[in-house]
Amino acid sequence: MSDKPARIVTLNLYYSGARIGRELVKSGAHVALGFLDEIDDEVAETFFQKFYWTWCHPEKGTNLSIPDAFLSAWKEVSEKNSLHGTSIVIWMGRSVFEMNSLAERRPSRVTTSKRLAAR
């Protein structure tokens, strides 16, 4: 596993899951999330909020992978919204069946003072 954070690209635009997501992973992104069709804008925003929150703020004692955070966000959003016919796509640059591919590193929290010091 690399010390670099996983490169995740989220595409909050219609019809982005088939070609654009695949091409981004082929070009070096670790993960790309997109939609195969149209989706209600509020539902899409809510999904991405839940996905990032779940992945970046795991409960104590858990180490959620990107696929785990994806499924958790899907379940939470689908409980409150009708997602019938909705296709949210996740493209992975590595096999989800390999143990090492499941522990993508979360981005570190960067404070304003750290940003200024880096400049």
C-alpha atoms as a PDB file:
ATOM      1  CA  MET A   1       0.000   0.000   0.000  1.00  0.00           C
ATOM      2  CA  SER A   2       1.248   3.449  -0.901  1.00  0.00           C
ATOM      3  CA  ASP A   3       1.746   6.283   1.585  1.00  0.00           C
ATOM      4  CA  LYS A   4      -0.016   8.607  -0.849  1.00  0.00           C
ATOM      5  CA  PRO A   5      -3.739   9.228  -0.351  1.00  0.00           C
ATOM      6  CA  ALA A   6      -6.045   7.496  -2.787  1.00  0.00           C
ATOM      7  CA  ARG A   7      -6.934   9.629  -5.802  1.00  0.00           C
ATOM      8  CA  ILE A   8     -10.707   9.670  -5.956  1.00  0.00           C
ATOM      9  CA  VAL A   9     -12.630  11.472  -8.647  1.00  0.00           C
ATOM     10  CA  THR A  10     -16.340  12.061  -8.149  1.00  0.00           C
ATOM     11  CA  LEU A  11     -18.374  13.030 -11.183  1.00  0.00           C
ATOM     12  CA  ASN A  12     -21.591  14.725 -10.186  1.00  0.00           C
ATOM     13  CA  LEU A  13     -22.916  14.928 -13.716  1.00  0.00           C
ATOM     14  CA  TYR A  14     -25.319  12.869 -15.761  1.00  0.00           C
ATOM     15  CA  TYR A  15     -24.003   9.993 -17.899  1.00  0.00           C
ATOM     16  CA  SER A  16     -20.519  10.146 -16.387  1.00  0.00           C
ATOM     17  CA  GLY A  17     -20.237   6.591 -15.087  1.00  0.00           C
ATOM     18  CA  ALA A  18     -19.671   4.600 -18.254  1.00  0.00           C
ATOM     19  CA  ARG A  19     -16.966   6.324 -20.250  1.00  0.00           C
ATOM     20  CA  ILE A  20     -15.607   9.238 -18.240  1.00  0.00           C
ATOM     21  CA  GLY A  21     -15.196   7.254 -15.008  1.00  0.00           C
ATOM     22  CA  ARG A  22     -13.502   4.363 -16.798  1.00  0.00           C
ATOM     23  CA  GLU A  23     -11.114   6.680 -18.642  1.00  0.00           C
ATOM     24  CA  LEU A  24     -10.157   8.508 -15.438  1.00  0.00           C
ATOM     25  CA  VAL A  25      -9.184   5.204 -13.806  1.00  0.00           C
ATOM     26  CA  LYS A  26      -7.262   4.201 -16.941  1.00  0.00           C
ATOM     27  CA  SER A  27      -5.435   7.541 -16.649  1.00  0.00           C
ATOM     28  CA  GLY A  28      -4.328   6.946 -13.061  1.00  0.00           C
ATOM     29  CA  ALA A  29      -7.196   7.700 -10.685  1.00  0.00           C
ATOM     30  CA  HIS A  30      -7.573   5.013  -8.007  1.00  0.00           C
ATOM     31  CA  VAL A  31     -11.360   5.380  -7.950  1.00  0.00           C
ATOM     32  CA  ALA A  32     -13.974   7.184 -10.026  1.00  0.00           C
ATOM     33  CA  LEU A  33     -17.632   7.545  -9.051  1.00  0.00           C
ATOM     34  CA  GLY A  34     -20.283   8.632 -11.521  1.00  0.00           C
ATOM     35  CA  PHE A  35     -23.810   8.048 -12.819  1.00  0.00           C
ATOM     36  CA  LEU A  36     -25.024   5.944 -15.738  1.00  0.00           C
ATOM     37  CA  ASP A  37     -28.135   8.028 -16.243  1.00  0.00           C
ATOM     38  CA  GLU A  38     -29.833  11.079 -14.768  1.00  0.00           C
ATOM     39  CA  ILE A  39     -30.288  11.484 -11.019  1.00  0.00           C
ATOM     40  CA  ASP A  40     -32.022  14.006  -8.820  1.00  0.00           C
ATOM     41  CA  ASP A  41     -29.434  16.678  -7.991  1.00  0.00           C
ATOM     42  CA  GLU A  42     -30.191  16.697  -4.256  1.00  0.00           C
ATOM     43  CA  VAL A  43     -29.935  12.913  -4.071  1.00  0.00           C
ATOM     44  CA  ALA A  44     -26.584  13.006  -5.868  1.00  0.00           C
ATOM     45  CA  GLU A  45     -25.244  15.688  -3.510  1.00  0.00           C
ATOM     46  CA  THR A  46     -26.488  13.764  -0.482  1.00  0.00           C
ATOM     47  CA  PHE A  47     -24.859  10.565  -1.730  1.00  0.00           C
ATOM     48  CA  PHE A  48     -21.461  12.233  -2.159  1.00  0.00           C
ATOM     49  CA  GLN A  49     -21.713  13.932   1.243  1.00  0.00           C
ATOM     50  CA  LYS A  50     -22.494  10.625   2.942  1.00  0.00           C
ATOM     51  CA  PHE A  51     -19.770   8.813   0.978  1.00  0.00           C
ATOM     52  CA  TYR A  52     -17.014  11.258   1.919  1.00  0.00           C
ATOM     53  CA  TRP A  53     -18.191  11.577   5.511  1.00  0.00           C
ATOM     54  CA  THR A  54     -18.290   7.814   5.984  1.00  0.00           C
ATOM     55  CA  TRP A  55     -14.883   7.300   4.377  1.00  0.00           C
ATOM     56  CA  CYS A  56     -13.083  10.195   6.102  1.00  0.00           C
ATOM     57  CA  HIS A  57     -14.736   9.846   9.533  1.00  0.00           C
ATOM     58  CA  PRO A  58     -14.948   6.128  10.327  1.00  0.00           C
ATOM     59  CA  GLU A  59     -16.360   5.055  13.649  1.00  0.00           C
ATOM     60  CA  LYS A  60     -13.768   4.221  16.294  1.00  0.00           C
ATOM     61  CA  GLY A  61     -12.235   0.828  15.739  1.00  0.00           C
ATOM     62  CA  THR A  62     -13.268   0.582  12.087  1.00  0.00           C
ATOM     63  CA  ASN A  63     -11.214   1.020   8.959  1.00  0.00           C
ATOM     64  CA  LEU A  64     -13.665   1.436   6.102  1.00  0.00           C
ATOM     65  CA  SER A  65     -12.436   0.962   2.576  1.00  0.00           C
ATOM     66  CA  ILE A  66     -13.748   2.962  -0.351  1.00  0.00           C
ATOM     67  CA  PRO A  67     -16.131   0.158  -1.433  1.00  0.00           C
ATOM     68  CA  ASP A  68     -17.420  -0.074   2.163  1.00  0.00           C
ATOM     69  CA  ALA A  69     -18.024   3.687   2.281  1.00  0.00           C
ATOM     70  CA  PHE A  70     -19.753   3.500  -1.106  1.00  0.00           C
ATOM     71  CA  LEU A  71     -22.132   0.769   0.096  1.00  0.00           C
ATOM     72  CA  SER A  72     -22.785   2.542   3.380  1.00  0.00           C
ATOM     73  CA  ALA A  73     -23.658   5.805   1.587  1.00  0.00           C
ATOM     74  CA  TRP A  74     -25.881   3.929  -0.884  1.00  0.00           C
ATOM     75  CA  LYS A  75     -27.782   2.218   1.941  1.00  0.00           C
ATOM     76  CA  GLU A  76     -28.237   5.440   3.904  1.00  0.00           C
ATOM     77  CA  VAL A  77     -29.422   7.442   0.894  1.00  0.00           C
ATOM     78  CA  SER A  78     -31.696   4.667  -0.387  1.00  0.00           C
ATOM     79  CA  GLU A  79     -33.478   4.432   2.984  1.00  0.00           C
ATOM     80  CA  LYS A  80     -34.681   8.045   2.619  1.00  0.00           C
ATOM     81  CA  ASN A  81     -35.043   8.328  -1.177  1.00  0.00           C
ATOM     82  CA  SER A  82     -36.422   6.244  -3.981  1.00  0.00           C
ATOM     83  CA  LEU A  83     -33.371   5.131  -5.942  1.00  0.00           C
ATOM     84  CA  HIS A  84     -35.299   2.794  -8.217  1.00  0.00           C
ATOM     85  CA  GLY A  85     -33.569   2.918 -11.593  1.00  0.00           C
ATOM     86  CA  THR A  86     -30.608   4.904 -10.259  1.00  0.00           C
ATOM     87  CA  SER A  87     -27.170   3.662 -11.253  1.00  0.00           C
ATOM     88  CA  ILE A  88     -24.234   5.017  -9.302  1.00  0.00           C
ATOM     89  CA  VAL A  89     -21.035   3.514 -10.672  1.00  0.00           C
ATOM     90  CA  ILE A  90     -17.743   2.919  -8.899  1.00  0.00           C
ATOM     91  CA  TRP A  91     -14.666   2.230 -11.010  1.00  0.00           C
ATOM     92  CA  MET A  92     -11.688   0.849  -9.099  1.00  0.00           C
ATOM     93  CA  GLY A  93      -8.106   0.819 -10.347  1.00  0.00           C
ATOM     94  CA  ARG A  94      -7.422  -2.395  -8.390  1.00  0.00           C
ATOM     95  CA  SER A  95      -9.362  -5.527  -7.675  1.00  0.00           C
ATOM     96  CA  VAL A  96     -11.829  -5.223  -4.813  1.00  0.00           C
ATOM     97  CA  PHE A  97     -11.148  -8.880  -4.065  1.00  0.00           C
ATOM     98  CA  GLU A  98      -7.486  -8.372  -3.144  1.00  0.00           C
ATOM     99  CA  MET A  99      -7.060  -7.620   0.556  1.00  0.00           C
ATOM    100  CA  ASN A 100      -4.433  -4.890   0.016  1.00  0.00           C
ATOM    101  CA  SER A 101      -6.688  -2.996  -2.376  1.00  0.00           C
ATOM    102  CA  LEU A 102      -9.350  -2.498   0.276  1.00  0.00           C
ATOM    103  CA  ALA A 103      -7.391  -0.295   2.647  1.00  0.00           C
ATOM    104  CA  GLU A 104      -7.006   2.915   0.658  1.00  0.00           C
ATOM    105  CA  ARG A 105      -5.442   5.652   2.735  1.00  0.00           C
ATOM    106  CA  ARG A 106      -7.735   8.493   3.718  1.00  0.00           C
ATOM    107  CA  PRO A 107      -6.634  12.036   2.971  1.00  0.00           C
ATOM    108  CA  SER A 108      -4.965  13.724   5.907  1.00  0.00           C
ATOM    109  CA  ARG A 109      -6.729  16.650   7.484  1.00  0.00           C
ATOM    110  CA  VAL A 110      -5.018  19.796   6.322  1.00  0.00           C
ATOM    111  CA  THR A 111      -5.477  22.879   8.439  1.00  0.00           C
ATOM    112  CA  THR A 112      -5.079  26.434   7.240  1.00  0.00           C
ATOM    113  CA  SER A 113      -1.788  26.758   9.119  1.00  0.00           C
ATOM    114  CA  LYS A 114      -0.469  23.604   7.397  1.00  0.00           C
ATOM    115  CA  ARG A 115      -1.500  25.004   4.006  1.00  0.00           C
ATOM    116  CA  LEU A 116       0.252  28.290   4.703  1.00  0.00           C
ATOM    117  CA  ALA A 117       3.380  26.521   5.933  1.00  0.00           C
ATOM    118  CA  ALA A 118       3.461  24.383   2.777  1.00  0.00           C
ATOM    119  CA  ARG A 119       3.360  27.486   0.576  1.00  0.00           C
END
